[in-house]
Amino acid sequence: MDMLPDAHDRLREILFPYASERQRAVERRQGRFVHYTSASVAVSIIRNKEVWMRNANTMNDFMEVEHGYRCLLSAYQGEAGIKFKDVLDRLHPGFRQGVENLFDGWSQSFKSGTYLSCISEHLDSEDTVGRLSMWRAYGGDTGVAIVLNNKPFVSPSDALRAYTSPVAYLGPEQFKAEFQRIANRMEENTKFLSEVDITLLTGFLFNMFRFSVLGTKHPGFHEEREWRIIHTPGLENSDRLLKDIQIVRGTPQVIYKIPLKDIPDEGFVGAEIPQLVDRVIIGPTQYPLTMYQAFVELLTDAGVENAGSKVWVSDIPLRQ
């Protein structure tokens, strides 16, 4: 049957409550995002107007995906999972088994077959200094933070077949509580779920599992306030993400490039440098004035007006 236009929104509220709440919070406060990186990568992003997505295997903590998978498995086999599976069994004959088979068939390839780019929620209080922990983790001797307006990250669009999701910093017990919340919402909305097109519902459930695995981190990393742009080409191929091989820190690897170009007909807007970049913060470094001048020139060349007002030098002292 044809679904009402808000069916997708309602499914997101039922199956992705954490992500929905985080997104609304960002939109309410007109929050921005930030990408902490080295100066050389920041130059590449602005000059080439593209962002790289790297394989999940290359993440700083290669156990992150395993952590998410273990949390999901533990919750699914526990009390919350019993209610969750009971709802699926009541929706359609054999439906639960079909969803489980679909996820099981893909779960082991998520790590090797998924590409990510990471950003972080930016706070107004960090506008001029940045975040020290992120400089230490990602800046090196010439760290740069590119502060980004939120529109391309929070506007719904399938244009790239890459999707932005907040990271949930959960241990196994916290994950179980979140999974219980989803199971409760499913039970409360059983009639609605039974009327949803079965292919659509299967896709939402599969992605709920997938993003749980790919977007759950140990609570010890919570200060990063990370969001991830996630693309799994084996699931959804995109002719707009450019596949390439690059050498990153000495290791040749497949990457996918996100062109920073609007696709307004498909709802992907605000991605071009003049609209996307709110500011650039130069981290603790030996040559701050030199870097300031370089980034003013880069932003000017990229079409940013009054670029000098968009570049800031953090006054956190450089430790020798």
C-alpha atoms as a PDB file:
ATOM      1  CA  MET A   1       0.000   0.000   0.000  1.00  0.00           C
ATOM      2  CA  ASP A   2       1.087   3.619  -0.520  1.00  0.00           C
ATOM      3  CA  MET A   3       2.513   5.140   2.640  1.00  0.00           C
ATOM      4  CA  LEU A   4       1.920   8.654   3.896  1.00  0.00           C
ATOM      5  CA  PRO A   5       4.785  11.097   3.158  1.00  0.00           C
ATOM      6  CA  ASP A   6       5.821  11.097   6.817  1.00  0.00           C
ATOM      7  CA  ALA A   7       6.263   7.309   7.004  1.00  0.00           C
ATOM      8  CA  HIS A   8      10.046   7.601   6.697  1.00  0.00           C
ATOM      9  CA  ASP A   9      10.148  10.198   9.480  1.00  0.00           C
ATOM     10  CA  ARG A  10       8.049   8.017  11.752  1.00  0.00           C
ATOM     11  CA  LEU A  11      10.250   4.993  11.094  1.00  0.00           C
ATOM     12  CA  ARG A  12      13.307   7.078  11.982  1.00  0.00           C
ATOM     13  CA  GLU A  13      11.695   8.120  15.271  1.00  0.00           C
ATOM     14  CA  ILE A  14      10.918   4.497  16.131  1.00  0.00           C
ATOM     15  CA  LEU A  15      14.139   2.811  15.037  1.00  0.00           C
ATOM     16  CA  PHE A  16      16.702   5.634  15.346  1.00  0.00           C
ATOM     17  CA  PRO A  17      15.656   7.585  18.463  1.00  0.00           C
ATOM     18  CA  TYR A  18      19.202   8.468  19.530  1.00  0.00           C
ATOM     19  CA  ALA A  19      20.218   9.764  16.096  1.00  0.00           C
ATOM     20  CA  SER A  20      16.939  11.660  15.702  1.00  0.00           C
ATOM     21  CA  GLU A  21      17.387  13.404  19.050  1.00  0.00           C
ATOM     22  CA  ARG A  22      20.988  14.329  18.327  1.00  0.00           C
ATOM     23  CA  GLN A  23      20.099  15.746  14.939  1.00  0.00           C
ATOM     24  CA  ARG A  24      17.248  17.833  16.347  1.00  0.00           C
ATOM     25  CA  ALA A  25      19.566  19.164  19.054  1.00  0.00           C
ATOM     26  CA  VAL A  26      22.102  20.285  16.443  1.00  0.00           C
ATOM     27  CA  GLU A  27      19.419  21.940  14.346  1.00  0.00           C
ATOM     28  CA  ARG A  28      17.823  23.692  17.345  1.00  0.00           C
ATOM     29  CA  ARG A  29      21.054  25.370  18.360  1.00  0.00           C
ATOM     30  CA  GLN A  30      22.163  25.886  14.749  1.00  0.00           C
ATOM     31  CA  GLY A  31      25.152  23.783  15.658  1.00  0.00           C
ATOM     32  CA  ARG A  32      28.196  23.428  13.500  1.00  0.00           C
ATOM     33  CA  PHE A  33      30.609  20.586  12.859  1.00  0.00           C
ATOM     34  CA  VAL A  34      34.381  20.540  12.698  1.00  0.00           C
ATOM     35  CA  HIS A  35      37.032  18.408  11.055  1.00  0.00           C
ATOM     36  CA  TYR A  36      40.371  18.274  12.896  1.00  0.00           C
ATOM     37  CA  THR A  37      43.236  17.286  10.647  1.00  0.00           C
ATOM     38  CA  SER A  38      46.746  18.135   9.514  1.00  0.00           C
ATOM     39  CA  ALA A  39      47.494  21.284   7.551  1.00  0.00           C
ATOM     40  CA  SER A  40      48.352  19.267   4.443  1.00  0.00           C
ATOM     41  CA  VAL A  41      44.972  17.506   4.459  1.00  0.00           C
ATOM     42  CA  ALA A  42      43.142  20.787   5.122  1.00  0.00           C
ATOM     43  CA  VAL A  43      44.900  22.358   2.124  1.00  0.00           C
ATOM     44  CA  SER A  44      43.863  19.389  -0.027  1.00  0.00           C
ATOM     45  CA  ILE A  45      40.208  19.650   1.067  1.00  0.00           C
ATOM     46  CA  ILE A  46      39.952  23.360   0.263  1.00  0.00           C
ATOM     47  CA  ARG A  47      42.063  23.365  -2.904  1.00  0.00           C
ATOM     48  CA  ASN A  48      40.573  20.216  -4.456  1.00  0.00           C
ATOM     49  CA  LYS A  49      37.062  20.756  -3.063  1.00  0.00           C
ATOM     50  CA  GLU A  50      36.755  17.168  -1.914  1.00  0.00           C
ATOM     51  CA  VAL A  51      36.800  15.078   1.252  1.00  0.00           C
ATOM     52  CA  TRP A  52      38.231  11.567   1.408  1.00  0.00           C
ATOM     53  CA  MET A  53      36.458   8.586   2.918  1.00  0.00           C
ATOM     54  CA  ARG A  54      38.772   5.840   4.140  1.00  0.00           C
ATOM     55  CA  ASN A  55      38.103   2.179   4.838  1.00  0.00           C
ATOM     56  CA  ALA A  56      36.836   1.324   8.318  1.00  0.00           C
ATOM     57  CA  ASN A  57      39.886  -0.926   8.705  1.00  0.00           C
ATOM     58  CA  THR A  58      42.070   2.181   8.852  1.00  0.00           C
ATOM     59  CA  MET A  59      40.326   3.806  11.843  1.00  0.00           C
ATOM     60  CA  ASN A  60      42.513   4.885  14.742  1.00  0.00           C
ATOM     61  CA  ASP A  61      41.014   2.157  16.915  1.00  0.00           C
ATOM     62  CA  PHE A  62      40.574  -0.876  14.686  1.00  0.00           C
ATOM     63  CA  MET A  63      38.423  -2.517  17.407  1.00  0.00           C
ATOM     64  CA  GLU A  64      35.644   0.090  17.087  1.00  0.00           C
ATOM     65  CA  VAL A  65      33.488  -1.942  14.707  1.00  0.00           C
ATOM     66  CA  GLU A  66      34.021  -5.063  16.802  1.00  0.00           C
ATOM     67  CA  HIS A  67      32.883  -3.128  19.882  1.00  0.00           C
ATOM     68  CA  GLY A  68      29.651  -2.125  18.167  1.00  0.00           C
ATOM     69  CA  TYR A  69      29.018  -5.651  16.923  1.00  0.00           C
ATOM     70  CA  ARG A  70      29.530  -7.163  20.384  1.00  0.00           C
ATOM     71  CA  CYS A  71      27.186  -4.619  21.976  1.00  0.00           C
ATOM     72  CA  LEU A  72      24.497  -5.382  19.400  1.00  0.00           C
ATOM     73  CA  LEU A  73      24.866  -9.141  19.768  1.00  0.00           C
ATOM     74  CA  SER A  74      24.675  -8.954  23.563  1.00  0.00           C
ATOM     75  CA  ALA A  75      21.543  -6.787  23.453  1.00  0.00           C
ATOM     76  CA  TYR A  76      19.869  -8.926  20.810  1.00  0.00           C
ATOM     77  CA  GLN A  77      20.396 -12.056  22.872  1.00  0.00           C
ATOM     78  CA  GLY A  78      19.137 -10.389  26.068  1.00  0.00           C
ATOM     79  CA  GLU A  79      15.832  -9.190  27.480  1.00  0.00           C
ATOM     80  CA  ALA A  80      15.453  -6.282  25.053  1.00  0.00           C
ATOM     81  CA  GLY A  81      16.099  -8.653  22.173  1.00  0.00           C
ATOM     82  CA  ILE A  82      13.285 -10.933  23.281  1.00  0.00           C
ATOM     83  CA  LYS A  83      10.745  -8.111  22.977  1.00  0.00           C
ATOM     84  CA  PHE A  84      12.311  -6.897  19.725  1.00  0.00           C
ATOM     85  CA  LYS A  85      12.095 -10.358  18.131  1.00  0.00           C
ATOM     86  CA  ASP A  86       8.554 -10.884  19.428  1.00  0.00           C
ATOM     87  CA  VAL A  87       7.396  -7.743  17.614  1.00  0.00           C
ATOM     88  CA  LEU A  88       9.059  -8.854  14.376  1.00  0.00           C
ATOM     89  CA  ASP A  89       7.429 -12.279  14.654  1.00  0.00           C
ATOM     90  CA  ARG A  90       4.010 -10.657  14.980  1.00  0.00           C
ATOM     91  CA  LEU A  91       4.412  -8.416  11.944  1.00  0.00           C
ATOM     92  CA  HIS A  92       4.675 -11.006   9.157  1.00  0.00           C
ATOM     93  CA  PRO A  93       5.295 -14.771   8.993  1.00  0.00           C
ATOM     94  CA  GLY A  94       9.008 -15.455   8.584  1.00  0.00           C
ATOM     95  CA  PHE A  95       9.841 -11.745   8.658  1.00  0.00           C
ATOM     96  CA  ARG A  96      12.298 -11.889  11.554  1.00  0.00           C
ATOM     97  CA  GLN A  97      14.284 -14.699   9.988  1.00  0.00           C
ATOM     98  CA  GLY A  98      14.557 -12.749   6.757  1.00  0.00           C
ATOM     99  CA  VAL A  99      15.893  -9.650   8.524  1.00  0.00           C
ATOM    100  CA  GLU A 100      18.363 -11.707  10.550  1.00  0.00           C
ATOM    101  CA  ASN A 101      19.600 -13.546   7.451  1.00  0.00           C
ATOM    102  CA  LEU A 102      20.105 -10.266   5.610  1.00  0.00           C
ATOM    103  CA  PHE A 103      22.130  -8.749   8.445  1.00  0.00           C
ATOM    104  CA  ASP A 104      24.153 -11.905   9.063  1.00  0.00           C
ATOM    105  CA  GLY A 105      25.061 -12.038   5.391  1.00  0.00           C
ATOM    106  CA  TRP A 106      26.564  -8.562   5.521  1.00  0.00           C
ATOM    107  CA  SER A 107      27.791  -8.136   9.097  1.00  0.00           C
ATOM    108  CA  GLN A 108      31.271  -9.560   8.665  1.00  0.00           C
ATOM    109  CA  SER A 109      31.962  -7.355   5.650  1.00  0.00           C
ATOM    110  CA  PHE A 110      30.988  -4.064   7.274  1.00  0.00           C
ATOM    111  CA  LYS A 111      34.533  -3.396   8.455  1.00  0.00           C
ATOM    112  CA  SER A 112      36.294  -4.165   5.193  1.00  0.00           C
ATOM    113  CA  GLY A 113      33.534  -2.875   2.921  1.00  0.00           C
ATOM    114  CA  THR A 114      32.611   0.439   4.582  1.00  0.00           C
ATOM    115  CA  TYR A 115      34.212   3.844   4.030  1.00  0.00           C
ATOM    116  CA  LEU A 116      34.080   6.662   6.558  1.00  0.00           C
ATOM    117  CA  SER A 117      34.839  10.305   7.025  1.00  0.00           C
ATOM    118  CA  CYS A 118      34.663  11.730  10.537  1.00  0.00           C
ATOM    119  CA  ILE A 119      33.586  15.105  11.858  1.00  0.00           C
ATOM    120  CA  SER A 120      32.857  16.368  15.355  1.00  0.00           C
ATOM    121  CA  GLU A 121      30.228  18.620  16.898  1.00  0.00           C
ATOM    122  CA  HIS A 122      31.706  22.093  17.360  1.00  0.00           C
ATOM    123  CA  LEU A 123      30.850  24.300  20.338  1.00  0.00           C
ATOM    124  CA  ASP A 124      30.612  28.094  20.195  1.00  0.00           C
ATOM    125  CA  SER A 125      33.130  28.286  23.024  1.00  0.00           C
ATOM    126  CA  GLU A 126      35.709  26.629  20.767  1.00  0.00           C
ATOM    127  CA  ASP A 127      35.485  29.240  18.003  1.00  0.00           C
ATOM    128  CA  THR A 128      38.850  30.856  18.663  1.00  0.00           C
ATOM    129  CA  VAL A 129      40.887  28.158  20.407  1.00  0.00           C
ATOM    130  CA  GLY A 130      39.591  24.800  19.209  1.00  0.00           C
ATOM    131  CA  ARG A 131      39.599  21.720  21.404  1.00  0.00           C
ATOM    132  CA  LEU A 132      42.912  20.750  22.976  1.00  0.00           C
ATOM    133  CA  SER A 133      42.208  17.021  23.094  1.00  0.00           C
ATOM    134  CA  MET A 134      41.478  17.018  19.348  1.00  0.00           C
ATOM    135  CA  TRP A 135      44.619  19.001  18.543  1.00  0.00           C
ATOM    136  CA  ARG A 136      46.593  16.388  20.451  1.00  0.00           C
ATOM    137  CA  ALA A 137      44.871  13.457  18.767  1.00  0.00           C
ATOM    138  CA  TYR A 138      44.685  14.691  15.166  1.00  0.00           C
ATOM    139  CA  GLY A 139      46.669  17.899  14.731  1.00  0.00           C
ATOM    140  CA  GLY A 140      50.314  16.954  14.974  1.00  0.00           C
ATOM    141  CA  ASP A 141      52.712  19.903  14.664  1.00  0.00           C
ATOM    142  CA  THR A 142      50.556  21.709  12.097  1.00  0.00           C
ATOM    143  CA  GLY A 143      46.960  21.026  13.086  1.00  0.00           C
ATOM    144  CA  VAL A 144      44.003  22.713  11.429  1.00  0.00           C
ATOM    145  CA  ALA A 145      40.310  22.637  12.317  1.00  0.00           C
ATOM    146  CA  ILE A 146      37.843  23.319   9.505  1.00  0.00           C
ATOM    147  CA  VAL A 147      34.546  24.434  11.086  1.00  0.00           C
ATOM    148  CA  LEU A 148      31.564  23.499   8.931  1.00  0.00           C
ATOM    149  CA  ASN A 149      27.983  24.685   8.680  1.00  0.00           C
ATOM    150  CA  ASN A 150      25.501  21.876   9.261  1.00  0.00           C
ATOM    151  CA  LYS A 151      23.173  21.959   6.262  1.00  0.00           C
ATOM    152  CA  PRO A 152      24.633  19.150   4.085  1.00  0.00           C
ATOM    153  CA  PHE A 153      24.935  16.899   7.141  1.00  0.00           C
ATOM    154  CA  VAL A 154      21.406  17.197   8.517  1.00  0.00           C
ATOM    155  CA  SER A 155      19.346  17.602   5.329  1.00  0.00           C
ATOM    156  CA  PRO A 156      17.875  14.277   4.169  1.00  0.00           C
ATOM    157  CA  SER A 157      19.251  13.274   0.763  1.00  0.00           C
ATOM    158  CA  ASP A 158      20.188  10.096  -1.080  1.00  0.00           C
ATOM    159  CA  ALA A 159      22.261  11.983  -3.640  1.00  0.00           C
ATOM    160  CA  LEU A 160      25.611  10.514  -2.574  1.00  0.00           C
ATOM    161  CA  ARG A 161      24.485   7.216  -1.054  1.00  0.00           C
ATOM    162  CA  ALA A 162      26.567   8.328   1.938  1.00  0.00           C
ATOM    163  CA  TYR A 163      24.827   9.086   5.222  1.00  0.00           C
ATOM    164  CA  THR A 164      25.725  11.120   8.287  1.00  0.00           C
ATOM    165  CA  SER A 165      25.156   9.550  11.694  1.00  0.00           C
ATOM    166  CA  PRO A 166      26.106  10.590  15.234  1.00  0.00           C
ATOM    167  CA  VAL A 167      28.346   8.222  17.150  1.00  0.00           C
ATOM    168  CA  ALA A 168      26.816   6.742  20.311  1.00  0.00           C
ATOM    169  CA  TYR A 169      29.311   6.358  23.152  1.00  0.00           C
ATOM    170  CA  LEU A 170      27.930   3.286  24.862  1.00  0.00           C
ATOM    171  CA  GLY A 171      29.187   0.336  26.834  1.00  0.00           C
ATOM    172  CA  PRO A 172      27.308  -2.985  26.670  1.00  0.00           C
ATOM    173  CA  GLU A 173      24.815  -2.103  29.432  1.00  0.00           C
ATOM    174  CA  GLN A 174      24.123   1.370  28.040  1.00  0.00           C
ATOM    175  CA  PHE A 175      23.630  -0.164  24.615  1.00  0.00           C
ATOM    176  CA  LYS A 176      21.105  -2.628  26.041  1.00  0.00           C
ATOM    177  CA  ALA A 177      19.128   0.266  27.523  1.00  0.00           C
ATOM    178  CA  GLU A 178      19.063   2.022  24.161  1.00  0.00           C
ATOM    179  CA  PHE A 179      18.047  -1.188  22.403  1.00  0.00           C
ATOM    180  CA  GLN A 180      15.255  -1.632  24.965  1.00  0.00           C
ATOM    181  CA  ARG A 181      13.998   1.839  24.099  1.00  0.00           C
ATOM    182  CA  ILE A 182      13.791   0.846  20.433  1.00  0.00           C
ATOM    183  CA  ALA A 183      12.005  -2.411  21.273  1.00  0.00           C
ATOM    184  CA  ASN A 184       9.479  -0.505  23.397  1.00  0.00           C
ATOM    185  CA  ARG A 185       8.777   1.939  20.586  1.00  0.00           C
ATOM    186  CA  MET A 186       8.318  -0.920  18.153  1.00  0.00           C
ATOM    187  CA  GLU A 187       5.798  -2.566  20.451  1.00  0.00           C
ATOM    188  CA  GLU A 188       3.905   0.714  20.844  1.00  0.00           C
ATOM    189  CA  ASN A 189       3.781   1.101  17.053  1.00  0.00           C
ATOM    190  CA  THR A 190       3.101  -2.496  16.017  1.00  0.00           C
ATOM    191  CA  LYS A 191       0.016  -1.614  13.960  1.00  0.00           C
ATOM    192  CA  PHE A 192       1.869   1.052  12.015  1.00  0.00           C
ATOM    193  CA  LEU A 193       4.847  -1.246  11.395  1.00  0.00           C
ATOM    194  CA  SER A 194       2.567  -4.001  10.122  1.00  0.00           C
ATOM    195  CA  GLU A 195       1.198  -1.599   7.494  1.00  0.00           C
ATOM    196  CA  VAL A 196       4.577  -0.366   6.244  1.00  0.00           C
ATOM    197  CA  ASP A 197       5.780  -1.738   2.925  1.00  0.00           C
ATOM    198  CA  ILE A 198       7.800  -4.805   3.892  1.00  0.00           C
ATOM    199  CA  THR A 199      10.776  -3.886   1.703  1.00  0.00           C
ATOM    200  CA  LEU A 200      10.960  -0.412   3.237  1.00  0.00           C
ATOM    201  CA  LEU A 201      10.714  -1.785   6.771  1.00  0.00           C
ATOM    202  CA  THR A 202      13.373  -4.421   6.071  1.00  0.00           C
ATOM    203  CA  GLY A 203      15.711  -1.694   4.848  1.00  0.00           C
ATOM    204  CA  PHE A 204      15.159   0.443   7.935  1.00  0.00           C
ATOM    205  CA  LEU A 205      15.746  -2.482  10.298  1.00  0.00           C
ATOM    206  CA  PHE A 206      18.869  -3.566   8.432  1.00  0.00           C
ATOM    207  CA  ASN A 207      20.268  -0.044   8.574  1.00  0.00           C
ATOM    208  CA  MET A 208      19.410   0.216  12.258  1.00  0.00           C
ATOM    209  CA  PHE A 209      21.618  -2.835  12.845  1.00  0.00           C
ATOM    210  CA  ARG A 210      24.311  -1.561  10.457  1.00  0.00           C
ATOM    211  CA  PHE A 211      24.582   1.893  11.980  1.00  0.00           C
ATOM    212  CA  SER A 212      24.571   0.388  15.479  1.00  0.00           C
ATOM    213  CA  VAL A 213      27.674  -1.591  14.561  1.00  0.00           C
ATOM    214  CA  LEU A 214      29.422   1.230  12.682  1.00  0.00           C
ATOM    215  CA  GLY A 215      28.421   4.076  14.993  1.00  0.00           C
ATOM    216  CA  THR A 216      28.991   2.805  18.526  1.00  0.00           C
ATOM    217  CA  LYS A 217      32.201   3.633  20.413  1.00  0.00           C
ATOM    218  CA  HIS A 218      33.525   3.083  23.908  1.00  0.00           C
ATOM    219  CA  PRO A 219      32.270   5.769  26.358  1.00  0.00           C
ATOM    220  CA  GLY A 220      35.863   6.784  27.023  1.00  0.00           C
ATOM    221  CA  PHE A 221      35.908   8.643  23.703  1.00  0.00           C
ATOM    222  CA  HIS A 222      32.762  10.690  24.409  1.00  0.00           C
ATOM    223  CA  GLU A 223      34.520  14.081  24.421  1.00  0.00           C
ATOM    224  CA  GLU A 224      35.148  13.711  20.678  1.00  0.00           C
ATOM    225  CA  ARG A 225      31.414  14.226  19.958  1.00  0.00           C
ATOM    226  CA  GLU A 226      31.956  12.431  16.673  1.00  0.00           C
ATOM    227  CA  TRP A 227      29.630  12.026  13.695  1.00  0.00           C
ATOM    228  CA  ARG A 228      30.426   9.740  10.793  1.00  0.00           C
ATOM    229  CA  ILE A 229      29.718   9.958   7.082  1.00  0.00           C
ATOM    230  CA  ILE A 230      29.183   6.323   6.104  1.00  0.00           C
ATOM    231  CA  HIS A 231      29.246   4.696   2.670  1.00  0.00           C
ATOM    232  CA  THR A 232      29.084   0.972   1.904  1.00  0.00           C
ATOM    233  CA  PRO A 233      29.576   0.663  -1.873  1.00  0.00           C
ATOM    234  CA  GLY A 234      28.636  -3.017  -1.957  1.00  0.00           C
ATOM    235  CA  LEU A 235      25.192  -2.060  -0.672  1.00  0.00           C
ATOM    236  CA  GLU A 236      24.618   1.234  -2.461  1.00  0.00           C
ATOM    237  CA  ASN A 237      26.923   2.143  -5.306  1.00  0.00           C
ATOM    238  CA  SER A 238      27.288   5.849  -6.064  1.00  0.00           C
ATOM    239  CA  ASP A 239      28.462   7.345  -9.335  1.00  0.00           C
ATOM    240  CA  ARG A 240      29.092  10.648  -7.533  1.00  0.00           C
ATOM    241  CA  LEU A 241      31.660   9.340  -5.043  1.00  0.00           C
ATOM    242  CA  LEU A 242      34.955   9.003  -6.855  1.00  0.00           C
ATOM    243  CA  LYS A 243      36.922   5.824  -6.165  1.00  0.00           C
ATOM    244  CA  ASP A 244      40.690   6.241  -6.119  1.00  0.00           C
ATOM    245  CA  ILE A 245      43.900   4.773  -4.727  1.00  0.00           C
ATOM    246  CA  GLN A 246      46.017   7.061  -2.566  1.00  0.00           C
ATOM    247  CA  ILE A 247      48.994   6.629  -0.263  1.00  0.00           C
ATOM    248  CA  VAL A 248      48.099   7.685   3.278  1.00  0.00           C
ATOM    249  CA  ARG A 249      50.957   7.748   5.784  1.00  0.00           C
ATOM    250  CA  GLY A 250      52.893   5.338   3.574  1.00  0.00           C
ATOM    251  CA  THR A 251      50.052   2.840   3.032  1.00  0.00           C
ATOM    252  CA  PRO A 252      48.437   2.513  -0.427  1.00  0.00           C
ATOM    253  CA  GLN A 253      44.682   2.185  -0.018  1.00  0.00           C
ATOM    254  CA  VAL A 254      41.344   2.541  -1.753  1.00  0.00           C
ATOM    255  CA  ILE A 255      39.497   5.727  -0.874  1.00  0.00           C
ATOM    256  CA  TYR A 256      36.268   7.398  -1.966  1.00  0.00           C
ATOM    257  CA  LYS A 257      36.217  11.144  -2.624  1.00  0.00           C
ATOM    258  CA  ILE A 258      33.170  13.259  -1.756  1.00  0.00           C
ATOM    259  CA  PRO A 259      33.004  16.205  -4.197  1.00  0.00           C
ATOM    260  CA  LEU A 260      32.063  19.388  -2.356  1.00  0.00           C
ATOM    261  CA  LYS A 261      29.421  20.289  -4.897  1.00  0.00           C
ATOM    262  CA  ASP A 262      25.716  20.938  -4.455  1.00  0.00           C
ATOM    263  CA  ILE A 263      23.108  18.660  -6.032  1.00  0.00           C
ATOM    264  CA  PRO A 264      20.029  20.828  -5.407  1.00  0.00           C
ATOM    265  CA  ASP A 265      17.617  18.653  -7.403  1.00  0.00           C
ATOM    266  CA  GLU A 266      18.225  15.870  -4.869  1.00  0.00           C
ATOM    267  CA  GLY A 267      18.285  17.936  -1.698  1.00  0.00           C
ATOM    268  CA  PHE A 268      22.065  18.031  -1.243  1.00  0.00           C
ATOM    269  CA  VAL A 269      22.933  21.694  -0.696  1.00  0.00           C
ATOM    270  CA  GLY A 270      25.347  23.809   1.334  1.00  0.00           C
ATOM    271  CA  ALA A 271      28.290  21.600   0.400  1.00  0.00           C
ATOM    272  CA  GLU A 272      30.339  24.095  -1.617  1.00  0.00           C
ATOM    273  CA  ILE A 273      33.274  25.771   0.114  1.00  0.00           C
ATOM    274  CA  PRO A 274      31.882  29.344   0.449  1.00  0.00           C
ATOM    275  CA  GLN A 275      28.693  28.076   2.122  1.00  0.00           C
ATOM    276  CA  LEU A 276      30.175  25.073   3.900  1.00  0.00           C
ATOM    277  CA  VAL A 277      33.207  26.546   5.670  1.00  0.00           C
ATOM    278  CA  ASP A 278      32.331  28.722   8.653  1.00  0.00           C
ATOM    279  CA  ARG A 279      35.939  29.260   9.706  1.00  0.00           C
ATOM    280  CA  VAL A 280      39.400  27.710   9.810  1.00  0.00           C
ATOM    281  CA  ILE A 281      41.256  27.522  13.124  1.00  0.00           C
ATOM    282  CA  ILE A 282      45.034  27.157  13.059  1.00  0.00           C
ATOM    283  CA  GLY A 283      46.184  24.924  15.898  1.00  0.00           C
ATOM    284  CA  PRO A 284      49.274  25.231  18.094  1.00  0.00           C
ATOM    285  CA  THR A 285      52.166  25.479  15.628  1.00  0.00           C
ATOM    286  CA  GLN A 286      55.614  26.981  15.137  1.00  0.00           C
ATOM    287  CA  TYR A 287      54.569  29.134  12.172  1.00  0.00           C
ATOM    288  CA  PRO A 288      51.029  30.432  12.824  1.00  0.00           C
ATOM    289  CA  LEU A 289      51.324  33.632  10.725  1.00  0.00           C
ATOM    290  CA  THR A 290      52.627  31.706   7.716  1.00  0.00           C
ATOM    291  CA  MET A 291      49.747  29.255   7.936  1.00  0.00           C
ATOM    292  CA  TYR A 292      47.243  32.065   8.462  1.00  0.00           C
ATOM    293  CA  GLN A 293      48.324  33.773   5.254  1.00  0.00           C
ATOM    294  CA  ALA A 294      48.207  30.510   3.307  1.00  0.00           C
ATOM    295  CA  PHE A 295      44.673  29.642   4.382  1.00  0.00           C
ATOM    296  CA  VAL A 296      43.394  33.147   3.688  1.00  0.00           C
ATOM    297  CA  GLU A 297      44.700  32.760   0.134  1.00  0.00           C
ATOM    298  CA  LEU A 298      43.222  29.275  -0.216  1.00  0.00           C
ATOM    299  CA  LEU A 299      39.771  30.380   0.937  1.00  0.00           C
ATOM    300  CA  THR A 300      39.886  33.448  -1.304  1.00  0.00           C
ATOM    301  CA  ASP A 301      40.752  31.274  -4.292  1.00  0.00           C
ATOM    302  CA  ALA A 302      37.821  28.998  -3.360  1.00  0.00           C
ATOM    303  CA  GLY A 303      35.399  31.918  -3.586  1.00  0.00           C
ATOM    304  CA  VAL A 304      35.089  32.845   0.104  1.00  0.00           C
ATOM    305  CA  GLU A 305      34.474  36.559   0.649  1.00  0.00           C
ATOM    306  CA  ASN A 306      36.407  38.390   3.385  1.00  0.00           C
ATOM    307  CA  ALA A 307      38.490  35.266   3.914  1.00  0.00           C
ATOM    308  CA  GLY A 308      40.739  37.030   6.413  1.00  0.00           C
ATOM    309  CA  SER A 309      37.863  37.139   8.886  1.00  0.00           C
ATOM    310  CA  LYS A 310      37.323  33.390   8.505  1.00  0.00           C
ATOM    311  CA  VAL A 311      40.779  32.272   9.655  1.00  0.00           C
ATOM    312  CA  TRP A 312      41.703  32.195  13.342  1.00  0.00           C
ATOM    313  CA  VAL A 313      44.879  31.260  15.157  1.00  0.00           C
ATOM    314  CA  SER A 314      44.410  29.315  18.379  1.00  0.00           C
ATOM    315  CA  ASP A 315      46.193  30.926  21.301  1.00  0.00           C
ATOM    316  CA  ILE A 316      46.857  27.579  22.989  1.00  0.00           C
ATOM    317  CA  PRO A 317      50.654  27.660  23.439  1.00  0.00           C
ATOM    318  CA  LEU A 318      52.756  25.176  21.488  1.00  0.00           C
ATOM    319  CA  ARG A 319      54.556  22.716  23.745  1.00  0.00           C
ATOM    320  CA  GLN A 320      58.087  21.990  22.671  1.00  0.00           C
END
